[in-house]
Amino acid sequence: MKDVMIRPELCMGCLSCEIACAVAHSKSKNLFLALGEKSAPKKRIYVECSPDLEVSIPITCRHCENAPCVSVCPTKALSQDEITGIVNHNPDLCVDCWTCSMVCTRFFPLYQLILEIGCWTSSMACNYGTIGRQIKAGIKCDLCQERELPACVEACPTHALIFTEKSVKK
């Protein structure tokens, strides 16, 4: 299965990925028209900038194999497609318990690094990209299934985001 891989050393924090994601999930699929949409388009990728570390890191769901968020969801609002491996979110079943965020391992190594260095921002307390808390029923990355290449990857000017096969651990 393919996934969006992140190369933080190449990220310059321009937020192009966030904008492209929101536009790709808008009704119009057009930047200028999306700005006027009644329900503002929502991004599914978040760029965490840490000036103290001089780093910017795009964060999004990695659609883990045997995703822990799926197994802990009490209402089965999260499910994993057996063929594509994509973790899907059904907002109609979501009760906003955020249990999924508590078990997300996306950036555990990043959190460990931040704890060791002692640099922490309040926004880093959230597991961005698991489920975005931008609306009552959360939203999450769907890897732009209708596109050949996810919008965030296509928009990244430095190629900090790449869409490639996941490495399989044996």
C-alpha atoms as a PDB file:
ATOM      1  CA  MET A   1       0.000   0.000   0.000  1.00  0.00           C
ATOM      2  CA  LYS A   2       1.163   3.505  -0.776  1.00  0.00           C
ATOM      3  CA  ASP A   3       1.412   6.182   1.892  1.00  0.00           C
ATOM      4  CA  VAL A   4       2.466   9.798   2.237  1.00  0.00           C
ATOM      5  CA  MET A   5       5.984   9.733   3.614  1.00  0.00           C
ATOM      6  CA  ILE A   6       7.376  12.817   5.294  1.00  0.00           C
ATOM      7  CA  ARG A   7      10.919  14.132   4.984  1.00  0.00           C
ATOM      8  CA  PRO A   8      10.963  16.881   7.633  1.00  0.00           C
ATOM      9  CA  GLU A   9      14.464  18.018   6.705  1.00  0.00           C
ATOM     10  CA  LEU A  10      13.023  19.300   3.403  1.00  0.00           C
ATOM     11  CA  CYS A  11       9.940  21.041   4.811  1.00  0.00           C
ATOM     12  CA  MET A  12      10.151  24.834   4.814  1.00  0.00           C
ATOM     13  CA  GLY A  13       6.782  25.392   6.523  1.00  0.00           C
ATOM     14  CA  CYS A  14       5.131  27.077   3.520  1.00  0.00           C
ATOM     15  CA  LEU A  15       1.733  25.410   4.226  1.00  0.00           C
ATOM     16  CA  SER A  16       1.191  24.634   0.524  1.00  0.00           C
ATOM     17  CA  CYS A  17       0.191  21.100   1.530  1.00  0.00           C
ATOM     18  CA  GLU A  18      -2.495  22.391   3.925  1.00  0.00           C
ATOM     19  CA  ILE A  19      -3.985  24.706   1.302  1.00  0.00           C
ATOM     20  CA  ALA A  20      -3.922  22.059  -1.440  1.00  0.00           C
ATOM     21  CA  CYS A  21      -5.582  19.542   0.877  1.00  0.00           C
ATOM     22  CA  ALA A  22      -8.396  21.936   1.788  1.00  0.00           C
ATOM     23  CA  VAL A  23      -8.986  22.838  -1.867  1.00  0.00           C
ATOM     24  CA  ALA A  24      -8.951  19.166  -2.925  1.00  0.00           C
ATOM     25  CA  HIS A  25     -11.686  18.497  -0.352  1.00  0.00           C
ATOM     26  CA  SER A  26     -13.748  21.556  -1.276  1.00  0.00           C
ATOM     27  CA  LYS A  27     -16.935  21.395  -3.327  1.00  0.00           C
ATOM     28  CA  SER A  28     -15.507  23.480  -6.188  1.00  0.00           C
ATOM     29  CA  LYS A  29     -11.946  22.034  -6.231  1.00  0.00           C
ATOM     30  CA  ASN A  30     -10.813  25.592  -7.059  1.00  0.00           C
ATOM     31  CA  LEU A  31      -8.765  27.784  -4.697  1.00  0.00           C
ATOM     32  CA  PHE A  32     -10.620  31.028  -5.412  1.00  0.00           C
ATOM     33  CA  LEU A  33     -14.085  29.497  -5.414  1.00  0.00           C
ATOM     34  CA  ALA A  34     -13.330  27.441  -2.296  1.00  0.00           C
ATOM     35  CA  LEU A  35     -12.696  30.638  -0.331  1.00  0.00           C
ATOM     36  CA  GLY A  36     -16.346  31.626  -0.800  1.00  0.00           C
ATOM     37  CA  GLU A  37     -17.941  28.268  -0.091  1.00  0.00           C
ATOM     38  CA  LYS A  38     -20.602  28.356   2.615  1.00  0.00           C
ATOM     39  CA  SER A  39     -19.021  25.465   4.482  1.00  0.00           C
ATOM     40  CA  ALA A  40     -15.298  26.258   4.457  1.00  0.00           C
ATOM     41  CA  PRO A  41     -13.155  23.397   3.135  1.00  0.00           C
ATOM     42  CA  LYS A  42     -11.172  21.532   5.794  1.00  0.00           C
ATOM     43  CA  LYS A  43      -7.574  20.350   5.575  1.00  0.00           C
ATOM     44  CA  ARG A  44      -6.466  16.879   6.627  1.00  0.00           C
ATOM     45  CA  ILE A  45      -2.759  17.633   7.010  1.00  0.00           C
ATOM     46  CA  TYR A  46      -1.213  19.918   9.603  1.00  0.00           C
ATOM     47  CA  VAL A  47       2.197  21.571   9.546  1.00  0.00           C
ATOM     48  CA  GLU A  48       3.698  21.778  13.013  1.00  0.00           C
ATOM     49  CA  CYS A  49       6.307  24.543  13.116  1.00  0.00           C
ATOM     50  CA  SER A  50       8.836  24.679  15.927  1.00  0.00           C
ATOM     51  CA  PRO A  51      11.049  27.766  15.678  1.00  0.00           C
ATOM     52  CA  ASP A  52      13.084  26.570  18.687  1.00  0.00           C
ATOM     53  CA  LEU A  53      14.029  23.397  16.828  1.00  0.00           C
ATOM     54  CA  GLU A  54      14.169  25.229  13.487  1.00  0.00           C
ATOM     55  CA  VAL A  55      11.954  22.561  11.972  1.00  0.00           C
ATOM     56  CA  SER A  56       8.546  22.275  10.335  1.00  0.00           C
ATOM     57  CA  ILE A  57       6.868  18.897  10.154  1.00  0.00           C
ATOM     58  CA  PRO A  58       3.776  18.029   8.102  1.00  0.00           C
ATOM     59  CA  ILE A  59       1.613  15.610  10.081  1.00  0.00           C
ATOM     60  CA  THR A  60      -1.115  13.392   8.662  1.00  0.00           C
ATOM     61  CA  CYS A  61      -2.603   9.940   9.157  1.00  0.00           C
ATOM     62  CA  ARG A  62      -0.298   7.145   8.070  1.00  0.00           C
ATOM     63  CA  HIS A  63      -3.018   4.514   7.713  1.00  0.00           C
ATOM     64  CA  CYS A  64      -1.126   2.041   9.902  1.00  0.00           C
ATOM     65  CA  GLU A  65      -1.322  -1.668   9.262  1.00  0.00           C
ATOM     66  CA  ASN A  66      -3.651  -3.010  11.971  1.00  0.00           C
ATOM     67  CA  ALA A  67      -4.323   0.608  12.947  1.00  0.00           C
ATOM     68  CA  PRO A  68      -4.754   0.968  16.717  1.00  0.00           C
ATOM     69  CA  CYS A  69      -7.270   3.797  16.230  1.00  0.00           C
ATOM     70  CA  VAL A  70      -9.621   1.402  14.438  1.00  0.00           C
ATOM     71  CA  SER A  71      -9.434  -1.236  17.146  1.00  0.00           C
ATOM     72  CA  VAL A  72     -10.157   1.205  20.005  1.00  0.00           C
ATOM     73  CA  CYS A  73     -13.018   3.108  18.364  1.00  0.00           C
ATOM     74  CA  PRO A  74     -16.048   2.290  20.554  1.00  0.00           C
ATOM     75  CA  THR A  75     -18.622   3.105  17.863  1.00  0.00           C
ATOM     76  CA  LYS A  76     -16.784   1.635  14.840  1.00  0.00           C
ATOM     77  CA  ALA A  77     -16.637   5.119  13.273  1.00  0.00           C
ATOM     78  CA  LEU A  78     -13.163   4.169  12.062  1.00  0.00           C
ATOM     79  CA  SER A  79     -12.667   1.232   9.741  1.00  0.00           C
ATOM     80  CA  GLN A  80      -9.817  -0.036   7.615  1.00  0.00           C
ATOM     81  CA  ASP A  81     -10.313  -1.065   4.027  1.00  0.00           C
ATOM     82  CA  GLU A  82      -8.976  -4.617   3.671  1.00  0.00           C
ATOM     83  CA  ILE A  83      -7.745  -4.038   0.120  1.00  0.00           C
ATOM     84  CA  THR A  84      -6.279  -0.501   0.184  1.00  0.00           C
ATOM     85  CA  GLY A  85      -5.409  -0.353   3.886  1.00  0.00           C
ATOM     86  CA  ILE A  86      -6.885   3.141   4.111  1.00  0.00           C
ATOM     87  CA  VAL A  87      -8.373   4.051   7.478  1.00  0.00           C
ATOM     88  CA  ASN A  88     -11.786   5.578   6.837  1.00  0.00           C
ATOM     89  CA  HIS A  89     -13.872   7.738   9.138  1.00  0.00           C
ATOM     90  CA  ASN A  90     -17.679   7.708   9.300  1.00  0.00           C
ATOM     91  CA  PRO A  91     -18.701  11.020  10.947  1.00  0.00           C
ATOM     92  CA  ASP A  92     -22.255   9.733  11.459  1.00  0.00           C
ATOM     93  CA  LEU A  93     -20.963   7.126  13.919  1.00  0.00           C
ATOM     94  CA  CYS A  94     -18.368   9.345  15.627  1.00  0.00           C
ATOM     95  CA  VAL A  95     -19.192  10.473  19.184  1.00  0.00           C
ATOM     96  CA  ASP A  96     -16.145  12.757  19.565  1.00  0.00           C
ATOM     97  CA  CYS A  97     -14.524  10.675  22.322  1.00  0.00           C
ATOM     98  CA  TRP A  98     -11.081  11.150  20.683  1.00  0.00           C
ATOM     99  CA  THR A  99      -9.925   7.731  21.853  1.00  0.00           C
ATOM    100  CA  CYS A 100      -8.348   7.404  18.403  1.00  0.00           C
ATOM    101  CA  SER A 101      -6.045  10.344  19.143  1.00  0.00           C
ATOM    102  CA  MET A 102      -4.884   8.805  22.388  1.00  0.00           C
ATOM    103  CA  VAL A 103      -3.526   5.687  20.681  1.00  0.00           C
ATOM    104  CA  CYS A 104      -2.105   7.291  17.527  1.00  0.00           C
ATOM    105  CA  THR A 105       1.588   6.476  17.183  1.00  0.00           C
ATOM    106  CA  ARG A 106       2.249   8.717  14.175  1.00  0.00           C
ATOM    107  CA  PHE A 107       4.737  10.965  15.826  1.00  0.00           C
ATOM    108  CA  PHE A 108       5.791   9.186  18.981  1.00  0.00           C
ATOM    109  CA  PRO A 109       9.495   9.545  18.003  1.00  0.00           C
ATOM    110  CA  LEU A 110       8.935  13.289  17.463  1.00  0.00           C
ATOM    111  CA  TYR A 111       7.306  13.628  20.868  1.00  0.00           C
ATOM    112  CA  GLN A 112      10.227  11.764  22.452  1.00  0.00           C
ATOM    113  CA  LEU A 113      12.720  14.105  20.756  1.00  0.00           C
ATOM    114  CA  ILE A 114      10.792  17.163  21.903  1.00  0.00           C
ATOM    115  CA  LEU A 115      10.648  15.859  25.472  1.00  0.00           C
ATOM    116  CA  GLU A 116      14.404  15.191  25.469  1.00  0.00           C
ATOM    117  CA  ILE A 117      15.265  18.625  24.080  1.00  0.00           C
ATOM    118  CA  GLY A 118      12.719  20.326  26.305  1.00  0.00           C
ATOM    119  CA  CYS A 119      10.994  22.248  23.527  1.00  0.00           C
ATOM    120  CA  TRP A 120       7.227  21.864  23.620  1.00  0.00           C
ATOM    121  CA  THR A 121       4.379  23.951  22.239  1.00  0.00           C
ATOM    122  CA  SER A 122       0.771  23.676  23.332  1.00  0.00           C
ATOM    123  CA  SER A 123      -0.298  22.587  19.852  1.00  0.00           C
ATOM    124  CA  MET A 124       2.013  19.565  20.062  1.00  0.00           C
ATOM    125  CA  ALA A 125      -0.246  18.101  22.755  1.00  0.00           C
ATOM    126  CA  CYS A 126      -2.660  17.066  19.988  1.00  0.00           C
ATOM    127  CA  ASN A 127      -2.244  14.104  17.666  1.00  0.00           C
ATOM    128  CA  TYR A 128      -2.859  16.050  14.474  1.00  0.00           C
ATOM    129  CA  GLY A 129      -3.863  14.070  11.451  1.00  0.00           C
ATOM    130  CA  THR A 130      -5.578  11.307  13.354  1.00  0.00           C
ATOM    131  CA  ILE A 131      -8.913  13.062  13.379  1.00  0.00           C
ATOM    132  CA  GLY A 132      -9.042  16.812  12.856  1.00  0.00           C
ATOM    133  CA  ARG A 133     -11.121  18.615  15.475  1.00  0.00           C
ATOM    134  CA  GLN A 134     -12.130  21.351  13.032  1.00  0.00           C
ATOM    135  CA  ILE A 135     -15.779  20.362  13.008  1.00  0.00           C
ATOM    136  CA  LYS A 136     -18.075  18.547  15.442  1.00  0.00           C
ATOM    137  CA  ALA A 137     -17.554  15.184  13.763  1.00  0.00           C
ATOM    138  CA  GLY A 138     -13.852  14.892  13.010  1.00  0.00           C
ATOM    139  CA  ILE A 139     -12.222  14.544   9.619  1.00  0.00           C
ATOM    140  CA  LYS A 140      -9.090  12.674   8.582  1.00  0.00           C
ATOM    141  CA  CYS A 141      -6.801  12.011   5.664  1.00  0.00           C
ATOM    142  CA  ASP A 142      -8.267   9.831   2.930  1.00  0.00           C
ATOM    143  CA  LEU A 143      -5.115   9.840   0.747  1.00  0.00           C
ATOM    144  CA  CYS A 144      -7.172  11.682  -1.906  1.00  0.00           C
ATOM    145  CA  GLN A 145      -8.488   8.352  -3.204  1.00  0.00           C
ATOM    146  CA  GLU A 146     -10.095  10.021  -6.217  1.00  0.00           C
ATOM    147  CA  ARG A 147      -6.728  11.416  -7.362  1.00  0.00           C
ATOM    148  CA  GLU A 148      -3.642   9.697  -8.731  1.00  0.00           C
ATOM    149  CA  LEU A 149      -1.428  11.666  -6.332  1.00  0.00           C
ATOM    150  CA  PRO A 150      -2.590  13.181  -3.012  1.00  0.00           C
ATOM    151  CA  ALA A 151      -3.015  16.955  -3.274  1.00  0.00           C
ATOM    152  CA  CYS A 152      -0.540  17.644  -0.455  1.00  0.00           C
ATOM    153  CA  VAL A 153       2.202  15.693  -2.216  1.00  0.00           C
ATOM    154  CA  GLU A 154       1.504  17.347  -5.561  1.00  0.00           C
ATOM    155  CA  ALA A 155       1.643  20.826  -4.005  1.00  0.00           C
ATOM    156  CA  CYS A 156       4.842  20.423  -1.971  1.00  0.00           C
ATOM    157  CA  PRO A 157       7.509  22.594  -3.659  1.00  0.00           C
ATOM    158  CA  THR A 158      10.434  20.960  -1.831  1.00  0.00           C
ATOM    159  CA  HIS A 159       9.284  17.329  -2.135  1.00  0.00           C
ATOM    160  CA  ALA A 160       9.154  16.986   1.647  1.00  0.00           C
ATOM    161  CA  LEU A 161       6.096  14.812   1.022  1.00  0.00           C
ATOM    162  CA  ILE A 162       6.333  11.783  -1.248  1.00  0.00           C
ATOM    163  CA  PHE A 163       3.751   9.163  -2.132  1.00  0.00           C
ATOM    164  CA  THR A 164       5.424   5.781  -2.101  1.00  0.00           C
ATOM    165  CA  GLU A 165       4.992   2.171  -1.079  1.00  0.00           C
ATOM    166  CA  LYS A 166       5.186   1.569   2.652  1.00  0.00           C
ATOM    167  CA  SER A 167       8.154  -0.468   3.721  1.00  0.00           C
ATOM    168  CA  VAL A 168       6.948  -3.730   5.167  1.00  0.00           C
ATOM    169  CA  LYS A 169       8.604  -4.946   8.365  1.00  0.00           C
ATOM    170  CA  LYS A 170       9.226  -8.677   8.499  1.00  0.00           C
END
